N, C-alpha and C. Protein backbone atom coordinates (compact mmCIF):
# COMPACT_ATOMS: atom_id res chain seq x y z
N MET A 1 -32.78 0.91 4.69
CA MET A 1 -31.74 1.80 4.25
C MET A 1 -30.35 0.91 3.98
N PRO A 2 -29.70 1.17 2.92
CA PRO A 2 -28.54 0.41 2.59
C PRO A 2 -27.48 0.75 3.61
N THR A 3 -26.58 -0.42 3.95
CA THR A 3 -25.50 -0.17 4.86
C THR A 3 -24.33 0.28 3.95
N ARG A 4 -23.69 1.25 4.56
CA ARG A 4 -22.42 1.91 3.83
C ARG A 4 -21.12 1.45 4.49
N THR A 5 -20.15 1.48 3.77
CA THR A 5 -18.81 1.05 4.27
C THR A 5 -18.13 2.31 4.92
N ALA A 6 -17.04 1.96 5.63
CA ALA A 6 -16.42 3.13 6.21
C ALA A 6 -15.95 4.20 5.37
N ALA A 7 -15.41 3.63 4.19
CA ALA A 7 -14.90 4.49 3.14
C ALA A 7 -15.93 5.33 2.61
N GLN A 8 -16.98 4.70 2.32
CA GLN A 8 -18.28 5.48 1.77
C GLN A 8 -18.68 6.54 2.79
N LYS A 9 -18.78 6.23 4.00
CA LYS A 9 -18.94 7.21 5.15
C LYS A 9 -17.94 8.42 5.18
N ARG A 10 -16.60 7.93 5.14
CA ARG A 10 -15.65 9.10 4.99
C ARG A 10 -15.75 9.98 3.77
N ALA A 11 -16.06 9.39 2.63
CA ALA A 11 -16.35 10.17 1.45
C ALA A 11 -17.49 11.07 1.52
N GLN A 12 -18.54 10.58 2.22
CA GLN A 12 -19.70 11.54 2.31
C GLN A 12 -19.29 12.55 3.25
N ALA A 13 -18.68 12.24 4.35
CA ALA A 13 -18.34 13.24 5.35
C ALA A 13 -17.39 14.29 4.77
N LYS A 14 -16.49 13.96 3.95
CA LYS A 14 -15.45 14.78 3.33
C LYS A 14 -16.33 15.82 2.53
N GLY A 15 -17.31 15.38 1.72
CA GLY A 15 -18.14 16.37 1.01
C GLY A 15 -18.98 17.34 1.92
N ASP A 16 -19.23 16.93 3.12
CA ASP A 16 -20.01 17.62 4.15
C ASP A 16 -19.21 18.73 4.99
N TYR A 17 -17.83 18.67 4.85
CA TYR A 17 -17.00 19.60 5.55
C TYR A 17 -17.10 20.96 4.95
N ASP A 18 -17.33 21.91 5.63
CA ASP A 18 -17.44 23.42 5.26
C ASP A 18 -17.05 24.31 6.54
N ALA A 19 -15.86 24.78 6.26
CA ALA A 19 -15.22 25.59 7.54
C ALA A 19 -16.11 26.85 7.82
N PHE A 20 -16.95 27.16 6.94
CA PHE A 20 -17.80 28.43 7.25
C PHE A 20 -18.92 28.02 8.14
N LEU A 21 -19.19 26.75 8.35
CA LEU A 21 -20.28 26.32 9.25
C LEU A 21 -19.58 26.22 10.76
N ALA A 22 -20.27 26.78 11.71
CA ALA A 22 -19.70 26.87 13.12
C ALA A 22 -19.35 25.37 13.65
N ARG A 23 -20.18 24.37 13.34
CA ARG A 23 -19.90 23.11 13.98
C ARG A 23 -18.97 22.19 13.14
N CYS A 24 -18.34 22.82 12.02
CA CYS A 24 -17.54 21.94 11.13
C CYS A 24 -16.32 21.60 11.86
N PRO A 25 -15.92 20.38 11.85
CA PRO A 25 -14.54 19.99 12.65
C PRO A 25 -13.40 20.56 11.91
N SER A 26 -13.46 20.94 10.69
CA SER A 26 -12.24 21.45 9.97
C SER A 26 -11.88 22.83 10.63
N ARG A 27 -12.74 23.49 11.41
CA ARG A 27 -12.42 24.69 12.13
C ARG A 27 -11.32 24.32 13.18
N GLN A 28 -11.36 23.28 13.88
CA GLN A 28 -10.42 22.93 14.84
C GLN A 28 -9.11 22.61 14.23
N LEU A 29 -9.03 22.06 13.09
CA LEU A 29 -7.88 21.75 12.35
C LEU A 29 -7.24 23.03 11.91
N LEU A 30 -8.07 24.00 11.27
CA LEU A 30 -7.63 25.31 10.91
C LEU A 30 -7.02 26.03 12.03
N ASP A 31 -7.65 25.84 13.24
CA ASP A 31 -7.18 26.67 14.39
C ASP A 31 -5.72 26.04 14.74
N GLN A 32 -5.58 24.71 14.62
CA GLN A 32 -4.35 24.16 15.08
C GLN A 32 -3.28 24.55 14.09
N ILE A 33 -3.49 24.24 12.74
CA ILE A 33 -2.43 24.60 11.84
C ILE A 33 -1.94 26.11 11.58
N SER A 34 -2.97 26.93 12.07
CA SER A 34 -2.58 28.29 11.93
C SER A 34 -1.62 28.73 13.27
N ASN A 35 -1.38 27.89 14.24
CA ASN A 35 -0.36 28.30 15.25
C ASN A 35 1.00 28.40 14.73
N LYS A 36 1.65 29.32 15.20
CA LYS A 36 3.14 29.65 14.67
C LYS A 36 4.00 28.53 14.92
N TRP A 37 3.78 27.80 16.17
CA TRP A 37 4.76 26.59 16.50
C TRP A 37 4.46 25.43 15.45
N VAL A 38 3.18 25.18 15.06
CA VAL A 38 2.94 24.27 14.11
C VAL A 38 3.62 24.54 12.71
N ALA A 39 3.58 25.79 12.37
CA ALA A 39 4.28 26.21 11.10
C ALA A 39 5.72 26.05 11.23
N LEU A 40 6.24 26.45 12.30
CA LEU A 40 7.71 26.38 12.46
C LEU A 40 8.20 25.01 12.64
N ILE A 41 7.36 23.97 13.20
CA ILE A 41 7.85 22.67 13.33
C ILE A 41 7.89 22.03 11.92
N LEU A 42 6.79 22.23 11.28
CA LEU A 42 6.64 21.62 9.88
C LEU A 42 7.92 22.18 9.02
N ALA A 43 8.20 23.49 9.21
CA ALA A 43 9.34 24.04 8.37
C ALA A 43 10.61 23.37 8.77
N ALA A 44 10.85 23.18 10.06
CA ALA A 44 12.11 22.51 10.54
C ALA A 44 12.17 21.23 10.12
N LEU A 45 11.10 20.31 10.34
CA LEU A 45 11.17 18.95 9.84
C LEU A 45 11.23 18.85 8.29
N GLY A 46 10.87 19.81 7.48
CA GLY A 46 10.95 19.88 6.15
C GLY A 46 12.20 20.60 5.72
N SER A 47 13.19 20.85 6.75
CA SER A 47 14.34 21.46 6.39
C SER A 47 14.31 22.83 5.81
N ASP A 48 13.34 23.56 6.19
CA ASP A 48 13.38 24.95 5.73
C ASP A 48 13.78 25.97 6.73
N GLY A 49 14.27 25.51 7.89
CA GLY A 49 14.64 26.53 8.92
C GLY A 49 16.16 26.87 8.67
N PRO A 50 16.64 27.64 9.57
CA PRO A 50 17.99 28.07 9.53
C PRO A 50 18.96 26.90 9.45
N HIS A 51 20.04 27.06 8.75
CA HIS A 51 20.93 25.72 8.76
C HIS A 51 22.36 26.15 9.19
N GLN A 52 22.99 25.21 9.76
CA GLN A 52 24.27 25.39 10.20
C GLN A 52 25.10 24.74 8.93
N SER A 53 26.38 25.10 8.87
CA SER A 53 27.23 24.50 7.79
C SER A 53 27.08 22.95 7.91
N GLY A 54 26.95 22.39 6.72
CA GLY A 54 26.87 20.90 6.61
C GLY A 54 25.55 20.29 6.87
N GLY A 55 24.50 21.22 7.06
CA GLY A 55 23.21 20.73 7.44
C GLY A 55 22.50 20.14 6.09
N ALA A 56 21.18 19.83 6.36
CA ALA A 56 20.47 19.27 5.15
C ALA A 56 20.08 20.64 4.41
N CYS A 57 19.98 20.03 3.00
CA CYS A 57 19.53 21.05 2.02
C CYS A 57 18.12 21.60 2.26
N ALA A 58 17.70 22.79 1.86
CA ALA A 58 16.47 23.27 1.99
C ALA A 58 15.55 22.41 1.23
N GLY A 59 14.35 22.18 1.69
CA GLY A 59 13.42 21.46 1.03
C GLY A 59 13.51 19.91 1.18
N GLU A 60 14.62 19.46 1.83
CA GLU A 60 14.81 17.94 1.93
C GLU A 60 14.38 17.62 3.35
N PRO A 61 13.16 16.98 3.48
CA PRO A 61 12.75 16.62 4.91
C PRO A 61 13.51 15.59 5.49
N ARG A 62 13.69 15.68 6.82
CA ARG A 62 14.48 14.77 7.56
C ARG A 62 13.94 14.62 9.08
N SER A 63 14.21 13.56 9.70
CA SER A 63 13.83 13.30 11.15
C SER A 63 14.73 14.17 12.05
N MET A 64 14.27 14.60 13.08
CA MET A 64 15.05 15.38 14.19
C MET A 64 14.71 14.95 15.52
N ARG A 65 15.58 14.96 16.39
CA ARG A 65 15.38 14.72 17.78
C ARG A 65 14.82 15.85 18.45
N TYR A 66 14.27 15.65 19.64
CA TYR A 66 13.46 16.71 20.28
C TYR A 66 14.54 17.89 20.66
N SER A 67 15.50 17.53 21.12
CA SER A 67 16.56 18.60 21.46
C SER A 67 16.88 19.32 20.18
N GLU A 68 16.93 18.72 19.13
CA GLU A 68 17.39 19.49 18.00
C GLU A 68 16.37 20.33 17.44
N LEU A 69 15.05 19.98 17.68
CA LEU A 69 13.81 20.84 17.38
C LEU A 69 13.84 21.99 18.42
N SER A 70 14.11 21.77 19.48
CA SER A 70 13.97 22.77 20.58
C SER A 70 15.11 23.81 20.30
N ARG A 71 16.28 23.49 19.96
CA ARG A 71 17.34 24.45 19.54
C ARG A 71 17.00 25.26 18.39
N ARG A 72 16.39 24.49 17.45
CA ARG A 72 16.06 25.10 16.05
C ARG A 72 15.00 26.16 16.32
N LEU A 73 14.02 25.94 17.19
CA LEU A 73 12.76 26.76 17.40
C LEU A 73 13.06 27.75 18.52
N ALA A 74 13.85 28.89 18.28
CA ALA A 74 14.14 29.76 19.51
C ALA A 74 12.93 30.29 20.06
N GLY A 75 12.84 30.08 21.36
CA GLY A 75 11.84 30.79 22.04
C GLY A 75 10.51 29.79 22.54
N VAL A 76 10.68 28.56 22.01
CA VAL A 76 9.66 27.76 22.24
C VAL A 76 9.87 27.04 23.79
N SER A 77 8.83 27.02 24.44
CA SER A 77 9.09 26.36 25.73
C SER A 77 8.98 24.85 25.70
N GLN A 78 9.45 24.05 26.52
CA GLN A 78 9.41 22.65 26.52
C GLN A 78 8.03 22.15 26.50
N LYS A 79 7.23 22.72 27.31
CA LYS A 79 5.79 22.31 27.44
C LYS A 79 5.08 22.63 25.99
N MET A 80 5.32 23.68 25.47
CA MET A 80 4.56 24.04 24.10
C MET A 80 5.06 23.06 23.03
N LEU A 81 6.42 22.87 23.02
CA LEU A 81 6.79 21.92 21.95
C LEU A 81 6.27 20.51 22.10
N THR A 82 6.30 20.06 23.32
CA THR A 82 5.80 18.65 23.72
C THR A 82 4.36 18.63 23.32
N GLN A 83 3.58 19.56 23.70
CA GLN A 83 2.07 19.62 23.26
C GLN A 83 1.83 19.69 21.90
N THR A 84 2.63 20.55 21.14
CA THR A 84 2.41 20.77 19.76
C THR A 84 2.79 19.49 19.05
N LEU A 85 3.83 18.82 19.38
CA LEU A 85 4.46 17.57 18.74
C LEU A 85 3.36 16.49 18.95
N ARG A 86 2.80 16.32 20.06
CA ARG A 86 1.81 15.41 20.50
C ARG A 86 0.52 15.59 19.51
N SER A 87 0.23 16.79 19.34
CA SER A 87 -0.99 17.28 18.70
C SER A 87 -0.81 16.86 17.31
N LEU A 88 0.31 17.15 16.66
CA LEU A 88 0.65 16.87 15.29
C LEU A 88 0.78 15.36 15.05
N GLU A 89 1.28 14.55 16.06
CA GLU A 89 1.43 13.10 15.95
C GLU A 89 -0.14 12.57 15.91
N ARG A 90 -1.01 13.05 16.83
CA ARG A 90 -2.39 12.58 16.96
C ARG A 90 -3.09 12.75 15.56
N ASP A 91 -2.92 13.97 14.98
CA ASP A 91 -3.43 14.27 13.64
C ASP A 91 -2.90 13.59 12.45
N GLY A 92 -1.76 12.86 12.65
CA GLY A 92 -1.06 12.01 11.78
C GLY A 92 -0.21 12.91 10.74
N LEU A 93 0.16 14.08 11.33
CA LEU A 93 1.09 14.84 10.53
C LEU A 93 2.66 14.67 10.72
N VAL A 94 2.84 14.09 11.97
CA VAL A 94 4.19 13.97 12.38
C VAL A 94 4.29 12.43 13.02
N SER A 95 5.40 11.66 12.72
CA SER A 95 5.49 10.37 13.32
C SER A 95 6.59 10.44 14.34
N ARG A 96 6.57 9.71 15.43
CA ARG A 96 7.51 9.67 16.44
C ARG A 96 7.98 8.29 16.55
N THR A 97 9.31 8.25 16.48
CA THR A 97 10.11 7.05 16.61
C THR A 97 10.87 6.80 17.66
N VAL A 98 10.82 5.73 18.44
CA VAL A 98 11.64 5.46 19.63
C VAL A 98 12.57 4.48 19.26
N THR A 99 13.78 4.71 19.49
CA THR A 99 14.91 3.72 19.30
C THR A 99 15.44 3.28 20.62
N PRO A 100 15.44 2.03 20.94
CA PRO A 100 15.91 1.49 22.24
C PRO A 100 17.39 1.56 22.30
N THR A 101 17.87 2.69 22.57
CA THR A 101 19.33 2.89 22.79
C THR A 101 19.52 3.31 24.18
N VAL A 102 20.81 3.59 24.68
CA VAL A 102 21.11 4.15 25.99
C VAL A 102 21.72 5.47 25.82
N PRO A 103 21.12 6.47 26.08
CA PRO A 103 19.69 6.64 26.39
C PRO A 103 18.81 6.42 25.28
N VAL A 104 17.46 6.37 25.48
CA VAL A 104 16.55 6.16 24.43
C VAL A 104 16.54 7.29 23.44
N THR A 105 16.54 6.98 22.07
CA THR A 105 16.53 8.10 21.17
C THR A 105 15.12 8.21 20.51
N VAL A 106 14.51 9.42 20.57
CA VAL A 106 13.28 9.72 20.04
C VAL A 106 13.42 10.59 18.83
N THR A 107 12.90 10.41 17.75
CA THR A 107 12.99 11.32 16.65
C THR A 107 11.57 11.48 16.13
N TYR A 108 11.62 12.63 15.42
CA TYR A 108 10.12 13.11 14.85
C TYR A 108 10.49 13.35 13.34
N GLU A 109 9.40 13.01 12.63
CA GLU A 109 9.61 13.32 11.12
C GLU A 109 8.13 13.54 10.49
N LEU A 110 8.04 14.22 9.52
CA LEU A 110 6.79 14.42 8.77
C LEU A 110 6.26 13.07 8.15
N THR A 111 4.97 12.85 8.24
CA THR A 111 4.35 11.79 7.52
C THR A 111 4.03 12.30 6.16
N ASP A 112 3.40 11.56 5.19
CA ASP A 112 3.08 11.86 3.90
C ASP A 112 2.07 13.12 3.93
N LEU A 113 1.05 12.94 4.99
CA LEU A 113 0.11 14.02 5.14
C LEU A 113 0.72 15.29 5.71
N GLY A 114 1.63 15.06 6.65
CA GLY A 114 2.43 16.29 7.05
C GLY A 114 3.17 16.98 6.01
N LEU A 115 3.76 16.16 5.08
CA LEU A 115 4.66 16.77 4.11
C LEU A 115 3.73 17.45 3.07
N SER A 116 2.44 17.05 2.89
CA SER A 116 1.61 17.70 1.93
C SER A 116 1.26 19.04 2.65
N LEU A 117 0.98 19.16 3.97
CA LEU A 117 0.82 20.45 4.61
C LEU A 117 2.07 21.30 4.75
N HIS A 118 3.09 20.67 4.83
CA HIS A 118 4.36 21.49 4.87
C HIS A 118 4.64 22.22 3.57
N HIS A 119 4.32 21.66 2.55
CA HIS A 119 4.39 22.34 1.14
C HIS A 119 3.57 23.67 1.03
N MET A 120 2.31 23.44 1.64
CA MET A 120 1.41 24.74 1.80
C MET A 120 1.92 25.75 2.77
N MET A 121 2.28 25.30 3.97
CA MET A 121 2.90 26.30 4.95
C MET A 121 4.19 26.96 4.52
N ARG A 122 5.07 26.26 3.77
CA ARG A 122 6.22 26.74 3.28
C ARG A 122 6.08 28.02 2.49
N GLY A 123 4.99 28.08 1.63
CA GLY A 123 4.62 29.04 0.79
C GLY A 123 4.22 30.29 1.71
N ILE A 124 3.48 30.17 2.76
CA ILE A 124 3.24 31.17 3.61
C ILE A 124 4.27 31.69 4.39
N LYS A 125 5.21 30.92 4.71
CA LYS A 125 6.46 31.22 5.56
C LYS A 125 7.23 32.08 4.61
N VAL A 126 7.48 31.75 3.44
CA VAL A 126 8.24 32.49 2.41
C VAL A 126 7.53 33.71 2.07
N TRP A 127 6.31 33.87 1.97
CA TRP A 127 5.70 35.10 1.66
C TRP A 127 5.80 36.04 2.85
N ALA A 128 5.71 35.63 4.04
CA ALA A 128 5.84 36.47 5.39
C ALA A 128 7.25 36.97 5.33
N GLU A 129 8.12 36.11 5.14
CA GLU A 129 9.57 36.74 5.20
C GLU A 129 9.87 37.74 4.09
N ALA A 130 9.34 37.45 2.88
CA ALA A 130 9.51 38.30 1.76
C ALA A 130 8.80 39.66 1.95
N HIS A 131 7.59 39.69 2.62
CA HIS A 131 6.87 40.92 2.65
C HIS A 131 6.77 41.58 4.10
N MET A 132 7.65 41.10 4.93
CA MET A 132 7.65 41.64 6.24
C MET A 132 7.97 43.02 6.29
N GLY A 133 8.95 43.65 5.51
CA GLY A 133 9.40 44.97 5.44
C GLY A 133 8.16 45.88 5.05
N GLU A 134 7.37 45.36 4.10
CA GLU A 134 6.18 46.11 3.62
C GLU A 134 5.07 46.26 4.75
N VAL A 135 4.86 45.15 5.45
CA VAL A 135 3.98 45.02 6.45
C VAL A 135 4.34 45.97 7.68
N LEU A 136 5.53 45.96 7.96
CA LEU A 136 6.02 46.85 9.04
C LEU A 136 5.97 48.24 8.67
N ALA A 137 6.22 48.68 7.42
CA ALA A 137 5.91 50.05 6.90
C ALA A 137 4.49 50.46 6.91
N ASN A 138 3.62 49.61 6.64
CA ASN A 138 2.30 49.80 6.56
C ASN A 138 1.70 49.89 8.13
N ARG A 139 2.15 49.08 9.00
CA ARG A 139 1.75 49.35 10.23
C ARG A 139 2.19 50.61 11.02
N GLU A 140 3.48 51.01 10.54
CA GLU A 140 3.94 52.36 11.18
C GLU A 140 3.11 53.56 10.57
N GLU A 141 2.77 53.42 9.23
CA GLU A 141 2.03 54.49 8.58
C GLU A 141 0.55 54.46 9.29
N TYR A 142 0.02 53.28 9.49
CA TYR A 142 -1.34 53.28 10.15
C TYR A 142 -1.24 53.90 11.33
N ASP A 143 -0.34 53.36 12.19
CA ASP A 143 -0.17 53.87 13.67
C ASP A 143 -0.07 55.47 13.82
N THR A 144 0.60 56.01 12.89
CA THR A 144 0.90 57.51 12.80
C THR A 144 -0.34 58.29 12.61
N HIS A 145 -1.32 57.65 11.72
CA HIS A 145 -2.52 58.26 11.38
C HIS A 145 -3.58 58.10 12.49
N ILE A 146 -3.38 57.04 13.25
CA ILE A 146 -4.42 56.56 14.32
C ILE A 146 -3.99 57.38 15.51
N ALA A 147 -2.78 57.61 15.94
CA ALA A 147 -2.31 58.37 17.16
C ALA A 147 -2.56 59.86 17.00
């Protein structure tokens, strides 16, 4: 049997991924990226979140400190933000940079892989914001017929 390089093995595995199969590892990735905090962190680092005056322009990715992300993501707990950032860093979607200052400065930013996912997630976020009124009306209509 011929020996294959790591690149050849990755290429073969890529062709083998099928999220419809129960054991496919892409299901774990889909589970993670469908998390609301992942979507909102990607949006914030991609500068798609709410802006204060003088902030970055929409669509212009930038690095952010932990405290800045925490303020931007209303309602996220410290534990959830930390866990989500670690998971995104592990998957190579976010990079963490530690600057030896007093106190130490830690910033997060999208990697190229994270930026490619951000572009996809941005469309979903925009769609959700644009169609939320219709969804709420449909829910209300459905609930009145069921009750």
